[in-house]
């Protein structure tokens, strides 16, 4: 482990797997993680047994104290936070609102690793929304937290491209790694006042609303390119599907068939090319309920939909 020129006392606040890389990177850089805050254990899997979050498990493995309050609004919770006497709190997909007394408690305040190029995609699902919207790039912003929703001043910003092959799972992993690298780079500069904060511009603000399961349902009247982006943007969760003959069929891979037209939802070819509002889409990997994943042509051979029929 390499000790930085000045080790900081850090409260780390995060919950999902996305946050674990930053926790590990800060430890590896020699900073003192005095406490970890994470969402409380939740029921998971078929047995619905309580499961600690990914950050909770990682912190426990390193012998770091973990706190899982349901809220930070109570004065006693805020006092317990302030009593840690931290230099800074690093926040990565924590999932709880931080009241002003919490934001102001550490000497350097609370620094957030946000998975977008702010001010675009403030909010809960920036990774997925960037793909769904057809953005050419995404990235990480290291920002100073304030009482607004991702409105604070920016310390560091770095972008990575979104290609036609990028799905949300892959982008998640890339941004998690990038965020971990950037927070280690940014903290000493913030502490030493060698980088200036940049106020977010008012132009270009968008909001990344939380994902819902219903968003994964295909509307064949949408353009094929929009449906293909939905497939990449909602993979692996909540996933994309359509319903036919009383069954819900998951779509795992697809490609746009440009210049092919027909009535929206109509099966045009036996390779599972379906007409959309504009162009068509070929479903290359699908899965019936309780069945194995198969290619589109094989699926059609075992499913009673014929060319010319509408899904």
Foldseek 3Di string as FASTA:
>chain_A
DAEDPDAWAEEEAAFAPLQQLLVVLSVVNRHHHQEYEAAFFFQDDPVRDTDGGPNVVSCVVVVHHYDHDPACPDPVSLVVLLVSQGQEYEYEHRPYQDDPSNQPRHVLGYKYWDWFQPLEAFEDQRLLVCLLVVHQKGWIWTFRDDNDGPQGWTFDIDIDTDDLPAASVVSSVVRSNVSSVVVSVRVVCSVVVVTDTHGGDPPPHDHDDDDDLVLQEDDQQDAQSSNQSSQRSQPPPPFHWYDDPRWTKTQNHKDFAAPDADDRQFQADLQQWGHGNHGIMGRQWMDTVPGDIDGRNVVCVVDPHDHGDGD
